Amino acid sequence: VKAQRAVPDLATAFLQWLEHRRPAIEEYKKKGRLFPVFFISAQGGGVYAAYHPALSLARLSDQCPEFARHIFGVSSVSGGSLGAAVYAELLRT
């Protein structure tokens, strides 16, 4: 199934993700800075678990509009998945 869907392994996906951001990474290098990369983890636990990641990620994006471009992945379960999905939808729209 993985081969049929052409799903890359983690290392390949990360390298592709970095390559897509090459211009931004080069700008960071010119300024002597490292390009931040984030992996988000959102736990389950009901309504609070849904609310917390959505609000936290939205606030981070408000403070740093480029924040979403630095997120490589999200791992979440249960309510945390709902919150992560809300944030992803906000980004999409």
C-alpha atoms as a PDB file:
ATOM      1  CA  VAL A   1       0.000   0.000   0.000  1.00  0.00           C
ATOM      2  CA  LYS A   2       2.830   2.385   0.895  1.00  0.00           C
ATOM      3  CA  ALA A   3       4.460   1.887  -2.501  1.00  0.00           C
ATOM      4  CA  GLN A   4       1.150   2.245  -4.340  1.00  0.00           C
ATOM      5  CA  ARG A   5       0.435   5.551  -2.605  1.00  0.00           C
ATOM      6  CA  ALA A   6       4.040   6.723  -3.077  1.00  0.00           C
ATOM      7  CA  VAL A   7       4.346   7.618   0.607  1.00  0.00           C
ATOM      8  CA  PRO A   8       7.982   8.515   1.302  1.00  0.00           C
ATOM      9  CA  ASP A   9       9.820   7.306   4.378  1.00  0.00           C
ATOM     10  CA  LEU A  10      10.430   9.838   7.151  1.00  0.00           C
ATOM     11  CA  ALA A  11      13.966  10.763   6.087  1.00  0.00           C
ATOM     12  CA  THR A  12      12.927  11.321   2.472  1.00  0.00           C
ATOM     13  CA  ALA A  13       9.872  13.343   3.512  1.00  0.00           C
ATOM     14  CA  PHE A  14      12.008  15.537   5.768  1.00  0.00           C
ATOM     15  CA  LEU A  15      14.579  16.161   3.029  1.00  0.00           C
ATOM     16  CA  GLN A  16      11.790  17.079   0.591  1.00  0.00           C
ATOM     17  CA  TRP A  17      10.284  19.402   3.209  1.00  0.00           C
ATOM     18  CA  LEU A  18      13.668  21.088   3.721  1.00  0.00           C
ATOM     19  CA  GLU A  19      14.250  21.414  -0.024  1.00  0.00           C
ATOM     20  CA  HIS A  20      10.884  23.141  -0.406  1.00  0.00           C
ATOM     21  CA  ARG A  21      12.067  25.693   2.170  1.00  0.00           C
ATOM     22  CA  ARG A  22      15.553  26.141   0.722  1.00  0.00           C
ATOM     23  CA  PRO A  23      15.160  29.900  -0.037  1.00  0.00           C
ATOM     24  CA  ALA A  24      14.042  30.642   3.520  1.00  0.00           C
ATOM     25  CA  ILE A  25      16.822  28.477   4.954  1.00  0.00           C
ATOM     26  CA  GLU A  26      19.380  30.383   2.882  1.00  0.00           C
ATOM     27  CA  GLU A  27      18.032  33.696   4.210  1.00  0.00           C
ATOM     28  CA  TYR A  28      18.460  32.424   7.757  1.00  0.00           C
ATOM     29  CA  LYS A  29      22.036  31.345   6.951  1.00  0.00           C
ATOM     30  CA  LYS A  30      22.876  34.793   5.567  1.00  0.00           C
ATOM     31  CA  LYS A  31      21.825  36.256   8.914  1.00  0.00           C
ATOM     32  CA  GLY A  32      23.901  33.689  10.819  1.00  0.00           C
ATOM     33  CA  ARG A  33      20.803  31.997  12.204  1.00  0.00           C
ATOM     34  CA  LEU A  34      19.563  28.431  12.216  1.00  0.00           C
ATOM     35  CA  PHE A  35      16.236  27.599  10.558  1.00  0.00           C
ATOM     36  CA  PRO A  36      13.860  26.405  13.321  1.00  0.00           C
ATOM     37  CA  VAL A  37      11.999  23.148  12.767  1.00  0.00           C
ATOM     38  CA  PHE A  38       9.080  22.124  14.977  1.00  0.00           C
ATOM     39  CA  PHE A  39       7.314  18.831  15.511  1.00  0.00           C
ATOM     40  CA  ILE A  40       4.050  19.278  17.400  1.00  0.00           C
ATOM     41  CA  SER A  41       2.666  16.730  19.832  1.00  0.00           C
ATOM     42  CA  ALA A  42      -0.924  17.067  21.072  1.00  0.00           C
ATOM     43  CA  GLN A  43      -2.285  14.717  23.715  1.00  0.00           C
ATOM     44  CA  GLY A  44      -5.790  13.420  24.101  1.00  0.00           C
ATOM     45  CA  GLY A  45      -8.162  14.029  26.970  1.00  0.00           C
ATOM     46  CA  GLY A  46     -11.471  15.473  25.893  1.00  0.00           C
ATOM     47  CA  VAL A  47     -12.522  19.053  25.292  1.00  0.00           C
ATOM     48  CA  TYR A  48      -9.457  20.607  26.948  1.00  0.00           C
ATOM     49  CA  ALA A  49      -7.205  18.464  24.779  1.00  0.00           C
ATOM     50  CA  ALA A  50      -9.007  19.755  21.691  1.00  0.00           C
ATOM     51  CA  TYR A  51      -8.984  23.381  22.826  1.00  0.00           C
ATOM     52  CA  HIS A  52      -5.407  23.636  24.052  1.00  0.00           C
ATOM     53  CA  PRO A  53      -3.427  22.815  20.870  1.00  0.00           C
ATOM     54  CA  ALA A  54      -5.751  24.862  18.661  1.00  0.00           C
ATOM     55  CA  LEU A  55      -5.410  27.906  20.919  1.00  0.00           C
ATOM     56  CA  SER A  56      -1.684  27.468  21.594  1.00  0.00           C
ATOM     57  CA  LEU A  57      -0.779  27.009  17.936  1.00  0.00           C
ATOM     58  CA  ALA A  58      -3.002  29.923  16.901  1.00  0.00           C
ATOM     59  CA  ARG A  59      -1.323  32.177  19.480  1.00  0.00           C
ATOM     60  CA  LEU A  60       2.123  31.126  18.281  1.00  0.00           C
ATOM     61  CA  SER A  61       1.063  31.954  14.725  1.00  0.00           C
ATOM     62  CA  ASP A  62      -0.237  35.340  15.869  1.00  0.00           C
ATOM     63  CA  GLN A  63       3.118  36.124  17.484  1.00  0.00           C
ATOM     64  CA  CYS A  64       5.145  34.728  14.595  1.00  0.00           C
ATOM     65  CA  PRO A  65       3.260  34.689  11.272  1.00  0.00           C
ATOM     66  CA  GLU A  66       5.945  32.421   9.752  1.00  0.00           C
ATOM     67  CA  PHE A  67       5.555  29.806  12.525  1.00  0.00           C
ATOM     68  CA  ALA A  68       3.489  27.400  10.401  1.00  0.00           C
ATOM     69  CA  ARG A  69       6.246  27.233   7.757  1.00  0.00           C
ATOM     70  CA  HIS A  70       8.530  25.754  10.415  1.00  0.00           C
ATOM     71  CA  ILE A  71       6.228  22.878  11.407  1.00  0.00           C
ATOM     72  CA  PHE A  72       7.423  19.598   9.938  1.00  0.00           C
ATOM     73  CA  GLY A  73       4.824  17.349  11.520  1.00  0.00           C
ATOM     74  CA  VAL A  74       2.094  16.869  14.053  1.00  0.00           C
ATOM     75  CA  SER A  75       1.498  13.814  16.199  1.00  0.00           C
ATOM     76  CA  SER A  76      -1.762  13.763  18.088  1.00  0.00           C
ATOM     77  CA  VAL A  77      -4.395  11.510  19.602  1.00  0.00           C
ATOM     78  CA  SER A  78      -8.062  11.840  20.472  1.00  0.00           C
ATOM     79  CA  GLY A  79      -9.039  15.410  21.390  1.00  0.00           C
ATOM     80  CA  GLY A  80      -5.572  16.683  20.539  1.00  0.00           C
ATOM     81  CA  SER A  81      -6.162  15.543  16.967  1.00  0.00           C
ATOM     82  CA  LEU A  82      -9.297  17.664  16.836  1.00  0.00           C
ATOM     83  CA  GLY A  83      -7.364  20.713  18.036  1.00  0.00           C
ATOM     84  CA  ALA A  84      -4.568  20.075  15.556  1.00  0.00           C
ATOM     85  CA  ALA A  85      -7.136  19.699  12.777  1.00  0.00           C
ATOM     86  CA  VAL A  86      -8.777  23.004  13.733  1.00  0.00           C
ATOM     87  CA  TYR A  87      -5.380  24.723  13.527  1.00  0.00           C
ATOM     88  CA  ALA A  88      -4.610  23.079  10.178  1.00  0.00           C
ATOM     89  CA  GLU A  89      -7.967  24.231   8.839  1.00  0.00           C
ATOM     90  CA  LEU A  90      -7.293  27.774  10.038  1.00  0.00           C
ATOM     91  CA  LEU A  91      -4.036  27.712   8.118  1.00  0.00           C
ATOM     92  CA  ARG A  92      -5.711  26.343   5.026  1.00  0.00           C
ATOM     93  CA  THR A  93      -8.340  29.078   4.992  1.00  0.00           C
END
